[in-house]
Amino acid sequence: MTHVNYAKTFEAGLIDRSINVLKLASVRLARFRTYRQTVRELESLSDRELADLGLHRAVIHSLARQAAQQE
């Protein structure tokens, strides 16, 4: 009987770990999408539009990383 309990505990732990991996993958995918969208939108602006926002092209990727981390 004890063997069966260990097997159920192992299966439950495996399922929990699998769910956690899927959740982490989902979060990372959402962050990546936010990153790519931010880069795409900022890169589509002209240098003048970026200057009006107080930005330079060199900071686009770091701003996108920050936006993705806030996701």
C-alpha atoms as a PDB file:
ATOM      1  CA  MET A   1       0.000   0.000   0.000  1.00  0.00           C
ATOM      2  CA  THR A   2       2.846   2.400   0.810  1.00  0.00           C
ATOM      3  CA  HIS A   3       4.297   1.888  -2.648  1.00  0.00           C
ATOM      4  CA  VAL A   4       1.086   3.118  -4.242  1.00  0.00           C
ATOM      5  CA  ASN A   5       1.148   6.270  -2.109  1.00  0.00           C
ATOM      6  CA  TYR A   6       4.703   7.045  -3.230  1.00  0.00           C
ATOM      7  CA  ALA A   7       3.702   6.538  -6.842  1.00  0.00           C
ATOM      8  CA  LYS A   8       0.759   8.938  -6.491  1.00  0.00           C
ATOM      9  CA  THR A   9       2.965  11.507  -4.774  1.00  0.00           C
ATOM     10  CA  PHE A  10       5.547  11.212  -7.552  1.00  0.00           C
ATOM     11  CA  GLU A  11       2.868  11.617 -10.240  1.00  0.00           C
ATOM     12  CA  ALA A  12       1.366  14.633  -8.462  1.00  0.00           C
ATOM     13  CA  GLY A  13       4.822  16.219  -8.167  1.00  0.00           C
ATOM     14  CA  LEU A  14       5.512  15.561 -11.819  1.00  0.00           C
ATOM     15  CA  ILE A  15       2.224  17.118 -12.828  1.00  0.00           C
ATOM     16  CA  ASP A  16       2.891  20.182 -10.640  1.00  0.00           C
ATOM     17  CA  ARG A  17       6.347  20.626 -12.154  1.00  0.00           C
ATOM     18  CA  SER A  18       4.941  20.263 -15.665  1.00  0.00           C
ATOM     19  CA  ILE A  19       2.303  22.896 -14.961  1.00  0.00           C
ATOM     20  CA  ASN A  20       4.954  25.241 -13.569  1.00  0.00           C
ATOM     21  CA  VAL A  21       7.091  24.783 -16.684  1.00  0.00           C
ATOM     22  CA  LEU A  22       4.110  25.612 -18.885  1.00  0.00           C
ATOM     23  CA  LYS A  23       3.279  28.700 -16.802  1.00  0.00           C
ATOM     24  CA  LEU A  24       6.866  29.905 -17.031  1.00  0.00           C
ATOM     25  CA  ALA A  25       6.887  29.361 -20.785  1.00  0.00           C
ATOM     26  CA  SER A  26       3.651  31.318 -21.080  1.00  0.00           C
ATOM     27  CA  VAL A  27       5.071  34.242 -19.090  1.00  0.00           C
ATOM     28  CA  ARG A  28       8.248  34.266 -21.155  1.00  0.00           C
ATOM     29  CA  LEU A  29       6.276  34.202 -24.400  1.00  0.00           C
ATOM     30  CA  ALA A  30       4.115  37.120 -23.254  1.00  0.00           C
ATOM     31  CA  ARG A  31       7.240  39.080 -22.303  1.00  0.00           C
ATOM     32  CA  PHE A  32       8.872  38.319 -25.649  1.00  0.00           C
ATOM     33  CA  ARG A  33       5.765  39.497 -27.502  1.00  0.00           C
ATOM     34  CA  THR A  34       5.741  42.725 -25.483  1.00  0.00           C
ATOM     35  CA  TYR A  35       9.435  43.209 -26.235  1.00  0.00           C
ATOM     36  CA  ARG A  36       8.982  42.671 -29.985  1.00  0.00           C
ATOM     37  CA  GLN A  37       5.903  44.916 -30.161  1.00  0.00           C
ATOM     38  CA  THR A  38       7.691  47.715 -28.299  1.00  0.00           C
ATOM     39  CA  VAL A  39      10.738  47.471 -30.556  1.00  0.00           C
ATOM     40  CA  ARG A  40       8.546  47.393 -33.666  1.00  0.00           C
ATOM     41  CA  GLU A  41       6.549  50.451 -32.608  1.00  0.00           C
ATOM     42  CA  LEU A  42       9.559  52.515 -31.536  1.00  0.00           C
ATOM     43  CA  GLU A  43      11.567  51.608 -34.636  1.00  0.00           C
ATOM     44  CA  SER A  44       8.680  52.748 -36.819  1.00  0.00           C
ATOM     45  CA  LEU A  45       9.000  56.295 -35.434  1.00  0.00           C
ATOM     46  CA  SER A  46      11.148  58.850 -37.216  1.00  0.00           C
ATOM     47  CA  ASP A  47      14.220  60.336 -35.553  1.00  0.00           C
ATOM     48  CA  ARG A  48      12.262  63.567 -35.061  1.00  0.00           C
ATOM     49  CA  GLU A  49       9.379  61.737 -33.349  1.00  0.00           C
ATOM     50  CA  LEU A  50      11.814  59.909 -31.080  1.00  0.00           C
ATOM     51  CA  ALA A  51      13.534  63.210 -30.245  1.00  0.00           C
ATOM     52  CA  ASP A  52      10.158  64.723 -29.358  1.00  0.00           C
ATOM     53  CA  LEU A  53       9.744  61.883 -26.856  1.00  0.00           C
ATOM     54  CA  GLY A  54      13.241  62.494 -25.523  1.00  0.00           C
ATOM     55  CA  LEU A  55      14.518  59.197 -26.927  1.00  0.00           C
ATOM     56  CA  HIS A  56      17.344  58.078 -29.186  1.00  0.00           C
ATOM     57  CA  ARG A  57      17.419  54.985 -31.361  1.00  0.00           C
ATOM     58  CA  ALA A  58      20.212  53.540 -29.238  1.00  0.00           C
ATOM     59  CA  VAL A  59      17.862  53.077 -26.268  1.00  0.00           C
ATOM     60  CA  ILE A  60      15.022  51.303 -28.090  1.00  0.00           C
ATOM     61  CA  HIS A  61      16.077  47.770 -27.129  1.00  0.00           C
ATOM     62  CA  SER A  62      16.727  48.630 -23.482  1.00  0.00           C
ATOM     63  CA  LEU A  63      13.321  50.345 -23.247  1.00  0.00           C
ATOM     64  CA  ALA A  64      11.716  47.278 -24.797  1.00  0.00           C
ATOM     65  CA  ARG A  65      13.426  45.017 -22.242  1.00  0.00           C
ATOM     66  CA  GLN A  66      12.119  47.215 -19.432  1.00  0.00           C
ATOM     67  CA  ALA A  67       8.595  47.097 -20.879  1.00  0.00           C
ATOM     68  CA  ALA A  68       8.780  43.318 -21.143  1.00  0.00           C
ATOM     69  CA  GLN A  69       9.925  42.945 -17.526  1.00  0.00           C
ATOM     70  CA  GLN A  70       6.910  44.947 -16.358  1.00  0.00           C
ATOM     71  CA  GLU A  71       4.615  42.470 -18.147  1.00  0.00           C
END
